[in-house]
């Protein structure tokens, strides 16, 4: 399954400024509790973990469970310390793995 991630990070920030980071990933979540037309349970297929790093240092982590919505939206803040790369990684059931990176310039 090909995932599409939307990431919103300010392209520039001042050193020490609190910046907002937002991400949305398209993923057809399935709890594993819903039956199909024949009454059999549809296998679970969820994103289990989201990790964000800033120049290789983890700044945010979230663990997801079957009650999370499809296309999960994550929003958090961090301090702008230096120019570099913000990388977001999602992993889940059935070998699902997606990663996206954006650059930020800190003045």
PDB file of N, CA and C in Angstrom:
ATOM      1  N   UNK A   1       0.837  -1.172   0.000  1.00  0.00           N
ATOM      2  CA  UNK A   1       0.000   0.000   0.000  1.00  0.00           C
ATOM      3  C   UNK A   1       0.886   1.241   0.000  1.00  0.00           C
ATOM      4  N   UNK A   2       0.666   2.106  -0.922  1.00  0.00           N
ATOM      5  CA  UNK A   2       1.445   3.342  -0.998  1.00  0.00           C
ATOM      6  C   UNK A   2       0.805   4.392  -0.092  1.00  0.00           C
ATOM      7  N   UNK A   3       1.586   4.945   0.790  1.00  0.00           N
ATOM      8  CA  UNK A   3       1.086   5.965   1.709  1.00  0.00           C
ATOM      9  C   UNK A   3       1.451   7.337   1.185  1.00  0.00           C
ATOM     10  N   UNK A   4       0.599   8.295   1.487  1.00  0.00           N
ATOM     11  CA  UNK A   4       0.872   9.683   1.127  1.00  0.00           C
ATOM     12  C   UNK A   4       0.891  10.483   2.410  1.00  0.00           C
ATOM     13  N   UNK A   5       1.989  11.157   2.668  1.00  0.00           N
ATOM     14  CA  UNK A   5       2.133  11.944   3.891  1.00  0.00           C
ATOM     15  C   UNK A   5       2.177  13.429   3.565  1.00  0.00           C
ATOM     16  N   UNK A   6       1.453  14.213   4.341  1.00  0.00           N
ATOM     17  CA  UNK A   6       1.504  15.663   4.255  1.00  0.00           C
ATOM     18  C   UNK A   6       2.168  16.165   5.524  1.00  0.00           C
ATOM     19  N   UNK A   7       3.185  16.996   5.369  1.00  0.00           N
ATOM     20  CA  UNK A   7       3.931  17.504   6.515  1.00  0.00           C
ATOM     21  C   UNK A   7       3.939  19.023   6.459  1.00  0.00           C
ATOM     22  N   UNK A   8       3.680  19.658   7.603  1.00  0.00           N
ATOM     23  CA  UNK A   8       3.715  21.111   7.689  1.00  0.00           C
ATOM     24  C   UNK A   8       4.719  21.502   8.767  1.00  0.00           C
ATOM     25  N   UNK A   9       5.840  22.059   8.323  1.00  0.00           N
ATOM     26  CA  UNK A   9       6.901  22.545   9.206  1.00  0.00           C
ATOM     27  C   UNK A   9       7.307  23.907   8.648  1.00  0.00           C
ATOM     28  N   UNK A  10       7.461  24.928   9.512  1.00  0.00           N
ATOM     29  CA  UNK A  10       7.885  26.216   8.963  1.00  0.00           C
ATOM     30  C   UNK A  10       9.261  26.092   8.297  1.00  0.00           C
ATOM     31  N   UNK A  11       9.440  26.668   7.110  1.00  0.00           N
ATOM     32  CA  UNK A  11      10.738  26.544   6.426  1.00  0.00           C
ATOM     33  C   UNK A  11      11.850  27.314   7.129  1.00  0.00           C
ATOM     34  N   UNK A  12      11.482  28.376   7.863  1.00  0.00           N
ATOM     35  CA  UNK A  12      12.472  29.175   8.602  1.00  0.00           C
ATOM     36  C   UNK A  12      11.958  29.445  10.003  1.00  0.00           C
ATOM     37  N   UNK A  13      12.892  29.535  10.948  1.00  0.00           N
ATOM     38  CA  UNK A  13      12.541  29.854  12.334  1.00  0.00           C
ATOM     39  C   UNK A  13      13.732  30.538  12.988  1.00  0.00           C
ATOM     40  N   UNK A  14      13.468  31.234  14.084  1.00  0.00           N
ATOM     41  CA  UNK A  14      14.548  31.848  14.857  1.00  0.00           C
ATOM     42  C   UNK A  14      15.008  30.855  15.920  1.00  0.00           C
ATOM     43  N   UNK A  15      16.311  30.882  16.217  1.00  0.00           N
ATOM     44  CA  UNK A  15      16.866  29.978  17.231  1.00  0.00           C
ATOM     45  C   UNK A  15      16.117  30.167  18.553  1.00  0.00           C
ATOM     46  N   UNK A  16      15.679  29.069  19.160  1.00  0.00           N
ATOM     47  CA  UNK A  16      14.961  29.101  20.425  1.00  0.00           C
ATOM     48  C   UNK A  16      13.459  29.283  20.292  1.00  0.00           C
ATOM     49  N   UNK A  17      12.979  29.477  19.076  1.00  0.00           N
ATOM     50  CA  UNK A  17      11.548  29.661  18.835  1.00  0.00           C
ATOM     51  C   UNK A  17      10.826  28.309  18.924  1.00  0.00           C
ATOM     52  N   UNK A  18       9.616  28.325  19.488  1.00  0.00           N
ATOM     53  CA  UNK A  18       8.781  27.127  19.508  1.00  0.00           C
ATOM     54  C   UNK A  18       8.093  27.040  18.152  1.00  0.00           C
ATOM     55  N   UNK A  19       8.259  25.907  17.485  1.00  0.00           N
ATOM     56  CA  UNK A  19       7.649  25.722  16.166  1.00  0.00           C
ATOM     57  C   UNK A  19       6.603  24.618  16.226  1.00  0.00           C
ATOM     58  N   UNK A  20       5.556  24.791  15.445  1.00  0.00           N
ATOM     59  CA  UNK A  20       4.515  23.772  15.338  1.00  0.00           C
ATOM     60  C   UNK A  20       4.817  22.835  14.186  1.00  0.00           C
ATOM     61  N   UNK A  21       4.642  21.563  14.428  1.00  0.00           N
ATOM     62  CA  UNK A  21       4.861  20.536  13.411  1.00  0.00           C
ATOM     63  C   UNK A  21       3.564  19.739  13.289  1.00  0.00           C
ATOM     64  N   UNK A  22       3.121  19.553  12.047  1.00  0.00           N
ATOM     65  CA  UNK A  22       1.882  18.812  11.803  1.00  0.00           C
ATOM     66  C   UNK A  22       2.123  17.775  10.716  1.00  0.00           C
ATOM     67  N   UNK A  23       1.480  16.644  10.858  1.00  0.00           N
ATOM     68  CA  UNK A  23       1.578  15.622   9.815  1.00  0.00           C
ATOM     69  C   UNK A  23       0.253  14.888   9.672  1.00  0.00           C
ATOM     70  N   UNK A  24      -0.013  14.481   8.461  1.00  0.00           N
ATOM     71  CA  UNK A  24      -1.203  13.707   8.129  1.00  0.00           C
ATOM     72  C   UNK A  24      -0.754  12.635   7.153  1.00  0.00           C
ATOM     73  N   UNK A  25      -1.082  11.386   7.447  1.00  0.00           N
ATOM     74  CA  UNK A  25      -0.710  10.301   6.534  1.00  0.00           C
ATOM     75  C   UNK A  25      -1.962   9.541   6.131  1.00  0.00           C
ATOM     76  N   UNK A  26      -2.045   9.240   4.845  1.00  0.00           N
ATOM     77  CA  UNK A  26      -3.189   8.464   4.362  1.00  0.00           C
ATOM     78  C   UNK A  26      -2.909   6.983   4.591  1.00  0.00           C
ATOM     79  N   UNK A  27      -3.822   6.346   5.274  1.00  0.00           N
ATOM     80  CA  UNK A  27      -3.675   4.923   5.576  1.00  0.00           C
ATOM     81  C   UNK A  27      -5.055   4.362   5.891  1.00  0.00           C
ATOM     82  N   UNK A  28      -5.426   3.282   5.231  1.00  0.00           N
ATOM     83  CA  UNK A  28      -6.721   2.655   5.481  1.00  0.00           C
ATOM     84  C   UNK A  28      -6.633   1.812   6.742  1.00  0.00           C
ATOM     85  N   UNK A  29      -7.039   2.387   7.845  1.00  0.00           N
ATOM     86  CA  UNK A  29      -6.957   1.691   9.128  1.00  0.00           C
ATOM     87  C   UNK A  29      -8.090   0.676   9.241  1.00  0.00           C
ATOM     88  N   UNK A  30      -7.765  -0.447   9.829  1.00  0.00           N
ATOM     89  CA  UNK A  30      -8.766  -1.479  10.102  1.00  0.00           C
ATOM     90  C   UNK A  30      -8.492  -2.026  11.499  1.00  0.00           C
ATOM     91  N   UNK A  31      -9.497  -1.981  12.358  1.00  0.00           N
ATOM     92  CA  UNK A  31      -9.315  -2.336  13.765  1.00  0.00           C
ATOM     93  C   UNK A  31      -9.103  -3.818  14.015  1.00  0.00           C
ATOM     94  N   UNK A  32      -9.611  -4.671  13.130  1.00  0.00           N
ATOM     95  CA  UNK A  32      -9.546  -6.110  13.359  1.00  0.00           C
ATOM     96  C   UNK A  32     -10.771  -6.622  14.093  1.00  0.00           C
ATOM     97  N   UNK A  33     -11.705  -5.722  14.414  1.00  0.00           N
ATOM     98  CA  UNK A  33     -12.927  -6.101  15.136  1.00  0.00           C
ATOM     99  C   UNK A  33     -14.160  -6.066  14.240  1.00  0.00           C
ATOM    100  N   UNK A  34     -14.029  -5.570  13.025  1.00  0.00           N
ATOM    101  CA  UNK A  34     -15.166  -5.404  12.133  1.00  0.00           C
ATOM    102  C   UNK A  34     -15.330  -6.627  11.236  1.00  0.00           C
ATOM    103  N   UNK A  35     -16.560  -7.132  11.096  1.00  0.00           N
ATOM    104  CA  UNK A  35     -16.771  -8.279  10.204  1.00  0.00           C
ATOM    105  C   UNK A  35     -16.974  -7.825   8.754  1.00  0.00           C
ATOM    106  N   UNK A  36     -16.625  -8.709   7.828  1.00  0.00           N
ATOM    107  CA  UNK A  36     -16.898  -8.427   6.416  1.00  0.00           C
ATOM    108  C   UNK A  36     -18.303  -8.931   6.084  1.00  0.00           C
ATOM    109  N   UNK A  37     -18.642  -8.955   4.806  1.00  0.00           N
ATOM    110  CA  UNK A  37     -19.986  -9.351   4.383  1.00  0.00           C
ATOM    111  C   UNK A  37     -20.329 -10.796   4.751  1.00  0.00           C
ATOM    112  N   UNK A  38     -19.318 -11.656   4.908  1.00  0.00           N
ATOM    113  CA  UNK A  38     -19.574 -13.058   5.246  1.00  0.00           C
ATOM    114  C   UNK A  38     -19.487 -13.318   6.749  1.00  0.00           C
ATOM    115  N   UNK A  39     -19.231 -12.265   7.525  1.00  0.00           N
ATOM    116  CA  UNK A  39     -19.183 -12.410   8.971  1.00  0.00           C
ATOM    117  C   UNK A  39     -17.800 -12.664   9.545  1.00  0.00           C
ATOM    118  N   UNK A  40     -16.815 -12.846   8.689  1.00  0.00           N
ATOM    119  CA  UNK A  40     -15.451 -13.053   9.177  1.00  0.00           C
ATOM    120  C   UNK A  40     -14.823 -11.708   9.520  1.00  0.00           C
ATOM    121  N   UNK A  41     -13.969 -11.715  10.543  1.00  0.00           N
ATOM    122  CA  UNK A  41     -13.312 -10.478  10.934  1.00  0.00           C
ATOM    123  C   UNK A  41     -12.296 -10.051   9.885  1.00  0.00           C
ATOM    124  N   UNK A  42     -12.311  -8.751   9.572  1.00  0.00           N
ATOM    125  CA  UNK A  42     -11.327  -8.182   8.657  1.00  0.00           C
ATOM    126  C   UNK A  42     -10.024  -8.055   9.444  1.00  0.00           C
ATOM    127  N   UNK A  43      -8.908  -8.542   8.926  1.00  0.00           N
ATOM    128  CA  UNK A  43      -7.648  -8.496   9.679  1.00  0.00           C
ATOM    129  C   UNK A  43      -7.244  -7.073  10.052  1.00  0.00           C
ATOM    130  N   UNK A  44      -6.646  -6.955  11.214  1.00  0.00           N
ATOM    131  CA  UNK A  44      -6.193  -5.658  11.698  1.00  0.00           C
ATOM    132  C   UNK A  44      -5.118  -5.090  10.774  1.00  0.00           C
ATOM    133  N   UNK A  45      -5.199  -3.792  10.522  1.00  0.00           N
ATOM    134  CA  UNK A  45      -4.212  -3.105   9.695  1.00  0.00           C
ATOM    135  C   UNK A  45      -4.151  -1.657  10.175  1.00  0.00           C
ATOM    136  N   UNK A  46      -3.276  -1.397  11.134  1.00  0.00           N
ATOM    137  CA  UNK A  46      -3.170  -0.054  11.691  1.00  0.00           C
ATOM    138  C   UNK A  46      -1.720   0.431  11.683  1.00  0.00           C
ATOM    139  N   UNK A  47      -1.570   1.738  11.774  1.00  0.00           N
ATOM    140  CA  UNK A  47      -0.253   2.312  12.039  1.00  0.00           C
ATOM    141  C   UNK A  47      -0.057   2.159  13.540  1.00  0.00           C
ATOM    142  N   UNK A  48       1.060   1.588  13.944  1.00  0.00           N
ATOM    143  CA  UNK A  48       1.297   1.344  15.368  1.00  0.00           C
ATOM    144  C   UNK A  48       2.200   2.392  16.008  1.00  0.00           C
ATOM    145  N   UNK A  49       3.062   3.026  15.202  1.00  0.00           N
ATOM    146  CA  UNK A  49       4.017   3.943  15.814  1.00  0.00           C
ATOM    147  C   UNK A  49       4.362   5.098  14.869  1.00  0.00           C
ATOM    148  N   UNK A  50       4.518   6.265  15.458  1.00  0.00           N
ATOM    149  CA  UNK A  50       4.954   7.465  14.747  1.00  0.00           C
ATOM    150  C   UNK A  50       6.144   8.034  15.512  1.00  0.00           C
ATOM    151  N   UNK A  51       7.235   8.344  14.796  1.00  0.00           N
ATOM    152  CA  UNK A  51       8.431   8.909  15.422  1.00  0.00           C
ATOM    153  C   UNK A  51       8.889  10.100  14.589  1.00  0.00           C
ATOM    154  N   UNK A  52       9.222  11.196  15.270  1.00  0.00           N
ATOM    155  CA  UNK A  52       9.774  12.369  14.599  1.00  0.00           C
ATOM    156  C   UNK A  52      11.147  12.664  15.177  1.00  0.00           C
ATOM    157  N   UNK A  53      12.125  12.852  14.281  1.00  0.00           N
ATOM    158  CA  UNK A  53      13.472  13.218  14.716  1.00  0.00           C
ATOM    159  C   UNK A  53      13.853  14.560  14.101  1.00  0.00           C
ATOM    160  N   UNK A  54      14.680  15.288  14.826  1.00  0.00           N
ATOM    161  CA  UNK A  54      15.186  16.586  14.383  1.00  0.00           C
ATOM    162  C   UNK A  54      16.701  16.458  14.373  1.00  0.00           C
ATOM    163  N   UNK A  55      17.288  16.408  13.182  1.00  0.00           N
ATOM    164  CA  UNK A  55      18.724  16.151  13.015  1.00  0.00           C
ATOM    165  C   UNK A  55      19.161  14.875  13.736  1.00  0.00           C
ATOM    166  N   UNK A  56      18.332  13.845  13.627  1.00  0.00           N
ATOM    167  CA  UNK A  56      18.657  12.545  14.198  1.00  0.00           C
ATOM    168  C   UNK A  56      18.309  12.362  15.663  1.00  0.00           C
ATOM    169  N   UNK A  57      17.825  13.420  16.326  1.00  0.00           N
ATOM    170  CA  UNK A  57      17.449  13.339  17.743  1.00  0.00           C
ATOM    171  C   UNK A  57      15.927  13.236  17.838  1.00  0.00           C
ATOM    172  N   UNK A  58      15.444  12.222  18.514  1.00  0.00           N
ATOM    173  CA  UNK A  58      14.009  12.038  18.649  1.00  0.00           C
ATOM    174  C   UNK A  58      13.391  13.188  19.450  1.00  0.00           C
ATOM    175  N   UNK A  59      12.354  13.815  18.869  1.00  0.00           N
ATOM    176  CA  UNK A  59      11.670  14.916  19.554  1.00  0.00           C
ATOM    177  C   UNK A  59      10.221  14.580  19.872  1.00  0.00           C
ATOM    178  N   UNK A  60       9.676  13.535  19.233  1.00  0.00           N
ATOM    179  CA  UNK A  60       8.294  13.153  19.498  1.00  0.00           C
ATOM    180  C   UNK A  60       8.083  11.706  19.086  1.00  0.00           C
ATOM    181  N   UNK A  61       7.285  10.990  19.878  1.00  0.00           N
ATOM    182  CA  UNK A  61       6.934   9.598  19.585  1.00  0.00           C
ATOM    183  C   UNK A  61       5.493   9.377  20.027  1.00  0.00           C
ATOM    184  N   UNK A  62       4.740   8.638  19.214  1.00  0.00           N
ATOM    185  CA  UNK A  62       3.364   8.285  19.566  1.00  0.00           C
ATOM    186  C   UNK A  62       3.128   6.824  19.226  1.00  0.00           C
ATOM    187  N   UNK A  63       2.405   6.150  20.099  1.00  0.00           N
ATOM    188  CA  UNK A  63       2.008   4.769  19.858  1.00  0.00           C
ATOM    189  C   UNK A  63       0.508   4.769  19.596  1.00  0.00           C
ATOM    190  N   UNK A  64       0.084   4.143  18.490  1.00  0.00           N
ATOM    191  CA  UNK A  64      -1.327   4.120  18.124  1.00  0.00           C
ATOM    192  C   UNK A  64      -1.934   2.752  18.412  1.00  0.00           C
ATOM    193  N   UNK A  65      -3.247   2.749  18.625  1.00  0.00           N
ATOM    194  CA  UNK A  65      -3.997   1.537  18.938  1.00  0.00           C
ATOM    195  C   UNK A  65      -5.182   1.425  17.986  1.00  0.00           C
ATOM    196  N   UNK A  66      -5.910   0.303  17.975  1.00  0.00           N
ATOM    197  CA  UNK A  66      -6.983   0.097  16.997  1.00  0.00           C
ATOM    198  C   UNK A  66      -8.050   1.196  16.953  1.00  0.00           C
ATOM    199  N   UNK A  67      -8.207   1.986  17.963  1.00  0.00           N
ATOM    200  CA  UNK A  67      -9.250   3.011  17.945  1.00  0.00           C
ATOM    201  C   UNK A  67      -8.826   4.290  17.221  1.00  0.00           C
ATOM    202  N   UNK A  68      -7.588   4.375  16.740  1.00  0.00           N
ATOM    203  CA  UNK A  68      -7.139   5.569  16.016  1.00  0.00           C
ATOM    204  C   UNK A  68      -7.856   5.636  14.672  1.00  0.00           C
ATOM    205  N   UNK A  69      -8.134   6.851  14.227  1.00  0.00           N
ATOM    206  CA  UNK A  69      -8.873   7.021  12.981  1.00  0.00           C
ATOM    207  C   UNK A  69      -8.004   6.701  11.761  1.00  0.00           C
ATOM    208  N   UNK A  70      -8.668   6.499  10.651  1.00  0.00           N
ATOM    209  CA  UNK A  70      -7.949   6.378   9.389  1.00  0.00           C
ATOM    210  C   UNK A  70      -7.305   7.726   9.096  1.00  0.00           C
ATOM    211  N   UNK A  71      -6.200   7.720   8.392  1.00  0.00           N
ATOM    212  CA  UNK A  71      -5.490   8.944   8.032  1.00  0.00           C
ATOM    213  C   UNK A  71      -5.147   9.778   9.270  1.00  0.00           C
ATOM    214  N   UNK A  72      -4.372   9.233  10.194  1.00  0.00           N
ATOM    215  CA  UNK A  72      -4.103   9.939  11.445  1.00  0.00           C
ATOM    216  C   UNK A  72      -3.371  11.267  11.250  1.00  0.00           C
ATOM    217  N   UNK A  73      -3.829  12.262  12.018  1.00  0.00           N
ATOM    218  CA  UNK A  73      -3.259  13.606  12.044  1.00  0.00           C
ATOM    219  C   UNK A  73      -2.528  13.778  13.372  1.00  0.00           C
ATOM    220  N   UNK A  74      -1.275  14.221  13.318  1.00  0.00           N
ATOM    221  CA  UNK A  74      -0.469  14.416  14.520  1.00  0.00           C
ATOM    222  C   UNK A  74       0.038  15.849  14.516  1.00  0.00           C
ATOM    223  N   UNK A  75      -0.088  16.522  15.663  1.00  0.00           N
ATOM    224  CA  UNK A  75       0.380  17.899  15.790  1.00  0.00           C
ATOM    225  C   UNK A  75       1.104  18.051  17.121  1.00  0.00           C
ATOM    226  N   UNK A  76       2.291  18.672  17.097  1.00  0.00           N
ATOM    227  CA  UNK A  76       3.079  18.872  18.308  1.00  0.00           C
ATOM    228  C   UNK A  76       4.029  20.038  18.093  1.00  0.00           C
ATOM    229  N   UNK A  77       4.762  20.411  19.123  1.00  0.00           N
ATOM    230  CA  UNK A  77       5.721  21.515  19.027  1.00  0.00           C
ATOM    231  C   UNK A  77       7.104  21.051  19.472  1.00  0.00           C
ATOM    232  N   UNK A  78       8.114  21.797  19.036  1.00  0.00           N
ATOM    233  CA  UNK A  78       9.478  21.579  19.479  1.00  0.00           C
ATOM    234  C   UNK A  78      10.223  22.901  19.369  1.00  0.00           C
ATOM    235  N   UNK A  79      11.420  22.954  19.925  1.00  0.00           N
ATOM    236  CA  UNK A  79      12.243  24.162  19.835  1.00  0.00           C
ATOM    237  C   UNK A  79      13.128  24.106  18.598  1.00  0.00           C
ATOM    238  N   UNK A  80      13.200  25.234  17.887  1.00  0.00           N
ATOM    239  CA  UNK A  80      14.109  25.349  16.752  1.00  0.00           C
ATOM    240  C   UNK A  80      15.504  25.604  17.312  1.00  0.00           C
ATOM    241  N   UNK A  81      16.406  24.654  17.130  1.00  0.00           N
ATOM    242  CA  UNK A  81      17.748  24.786  17.704  1.00  0.00           C
ATOM    243  C   UNK A  81      18.825  25.023  16.663  1.00  0.00           C
ATOM    244  N   UNK A  82      18.665  24.390  15.485  1.00  0.00           N
ATOM    245  CA  UNK A  82      19.659  24.537  14.427  1.00  0.00           C
ATOM    246  C   UNK A  82      19.043  24.139  13.102  1.00  0.00           C
ATOM    247  N   UNK A  83      19.636  24.614  12.022  1.00  0.00           N
ATOM    248  CA  UNK A  83      19.169  24.222  10.694  1.00  0.00           C
ATOM    249  C   UNK A  83      19.406  22.732  10.502  1.00  0.00           C
ATOM    250  N   UNK A  84      18.529  22.114   9.735  1.00  0.00           N
ATOM    251  CA  UNK A  84      18.707  20.690   9.496  1.00  0.00           C
ATOM    252  C   UNK A  84      17.474  20.038   8.920  1.00  0.00           C
ATOM    253  N   UNK A  85      17.275  18.801   9.313  1.00  0.00           N
ATOM    254  CA  UNK A  85      16.215  17.975   8.747  1.00  0.00           C
ATOM    255  C   UNK A  85      15.296  17.438   9.833  1.00  0.00           C
ATOM    256  N   UNK A  86      14.010  17.530   9.564  1.00  0.00           N
ATOM    257  CA  UNK A  86      13.003  16.917  10.430  1.00  0.00           C
ATOM    258  C   UNK A  86      12.472  15.712   9.667  1.00  0.00           C
ATOM    259  N   UNK A  87      12.589  14.537  10.284  1.00  0.00           N
ATOM    260  CA  UNK A  87      12.188  13.288   9.643  1.00  0.00           C
ATOM    261  C   UNK A  87      11.063  12.639  10.439  1.00  0.00           C
ATOM    262  N   UNK A  88      10.029  12.229   9.722  1.00  0.00           N
ATOM    263  CA  UNK A  88       8.892  11.548  10.344  1.00  0.00           C
ATOM    264  C   UNK A  88       8.792  10.141   9.781  1.00  0.00           C
ATOM    265  N   UNK A  89       8.566   9.182  10.684  1.00  0.00           N
ATOM    266  CA  UNK A  89       8.487   7.775  10.301  1.00  0.00           C
ATOM    267  C   UNK A  89       7.234   7.163  10.910  1.00  0.00           C
ATOM    268  N   UNK A  90       6.495   6.451  10.087  1.00  0.00           N
ATOM    269  CA  UNK A  90       5.311   5.724  10.526  1.00  0.00           C
ATOM    270  C   UNK A  90       5.553   4.246  10.276  1.00  0.00           C
ATOM    271  N   UNK A  91       5.156   3.386  11.220  1.00  0.00           N
ATOM    272  CA  UNK A  91       5.271   1.939  11.006  1.00  0.00           C
ATOM    273  C   UNK A  91       4.027   1.263  11.554  1.00  0.00           C
ATOM    274  N   UNK A  92       3.696   0.108  10.976  1.00  0.00           N
ATOM    275  CA  UNK A  92       2.476  -0.556  11.405  1.00  0.00           C
ATOM    276  C   UNK A  92       2.419  -2.017  11.036  1.00  0.00           C
ATOM    277  N   UNK A  93       1.196  -2.521  11.064  1.00  0.00           N
ATOM    278  CA  UNK A  93       0.950  -3.929  10.767  1.00  0.00           C
ATOM    279  C   UNK A  93       1.317  -4.258   9.317  1.00  0.00           C
ATOM    280  N   UNK A  94       1.517  -5.538   9.082  1.00  0.00           N
ATOM    281  CA  UNK A  94       1.755  -6.070   7.740  1.00  0.00           C
ATOM    282  C   UNK A  94       2.986  -5.458   7.069  1.00  0.00           C
ATOM    283  N   UNK A  95       3.977  -5.059   7.856  1.00  0.00           N
ATOM    284  CA  UNK A  95       5.204  -4.516   7.299  1.00  0.00           C
ATOM    285  C   UNK A  95       5.106  -3.078   6.815  1.00  0.00           C
ATOM    286  N   UNK A  96       4.023  -2.382   7.174  1.00  0.00           N
ATOM    287  CA  UNK A  96       3.861  -0.994   6.728  1.00  0.00           C
ATOM    288  C   UNK A  96       4.971  -0.118   7.295  1.00  0.00           C
ATOM    289  N   UNK A  97       5.569   0.698   6.423  1.00  0.00           N
ATOM    290  CA  UNK A  97       6.619   1.620   6.833  1.00  0.00           C
ATOM    291  C   UNK A  97       6.647   2.782   5.848  1.00  0.00           C
ATOM    292  N   UNK A  98       6.641   4.001   6.366  1.00  0.00           N
ATOM    293  CA  UNK A  98       6.728   5.190   5.521  1.00  0.00           C
ATOM    294  C   UNK A  98       7.585   6.220   6.238  1.00  0.00           C
ATOM    295  N   UNK A  99       8.352   6.982   5.466  1.00  0.00           N
ATOM    296  CA  UNK A  99       9.178   8.031   6.052  1.00  0.00           C
ATOM    297  C   UNK A  99       9.203   9.235   5.120  1.00  0.00           C
ATOM    298  N   UNK A 100       9.200  10.409   5.708  1.00  0.00           N
ATOM    299  CA  UNK A 100       9.272  11.666   4.957  1.00  0.00           C
ATOM    300  C   UNK A 100      10.166  12.616   5.728  1.00  0.00           C
ATOM    301  N   UNK A 101      10.879  13.465   4.996  1.00  0.00           N
ATOM    302  CA  UNK A 101      11.764  14.444   5.630  1.00  0.00           C
ATOM    303  C   UNK A 101      11.543  15.822   5.021  1.00  0.00           C
ATOM    304  N   UNK A 102      11.733  16.857   5.859  1.00  0.00           N
ATOM    305  CA  UNK A 102      11.662  18.246   5.403  1.00  0.00           C
ATOM    306  C   UNK A 102      12.820  19.009   6.018  1.00  0.00           C
ATOM    307  N   UNK A 103      13.261  20.034   5.315  1.00  0.00           N
ATOM    308  CA  UNK A 103      14.370  20.852   5.808  1.00  0.00           C
ATOM    309  C   UNK A 103      13.819  22.073   6.552  1.00  0.00           C
ATOM    310  N   UNK A 104      14.576  22.524   7.538  1.00  0.00           N
ATOM    311  CA  UNK A 104      14.251  23.752   8.264  1.00  0.00           C
ATOM    312  C   UNK A 104      15.523  24.578   8.385  1.00  0.00           C
ATOM    313  N   UNK A 105      15.379  25.893   8.198  1.00  0.00           N
ATOM    314  CA  UNK A 105      16.497  26.801   8.344  1.00  0.00           C
ATOM    315  C   UNK A 105      16.285  27.604   9.608  1.00  0.00           C
ATOM    316  N   UNK A 106      17.275  27.563  10.503  1.00  0.00           N
ATOM    317  CA  UNK A 106      17.193  28.290  11.765  1.00  0.00           C
ATOM    318  C   UNK A 106      18.199  29.441  11.699  1.00  0.00           C
ATOM    319  N   UNK A 107      17.695  30.645  11.953  1.00  0.00           N
ATOM    320  CA  UNK A 107      18.524  31.852  11.879  1.00  0.00           C
ATOM    321  C   UNK A 107      18.923  32.323  13.247  1.00  0.00           C
TER     322      UNK A 107
END
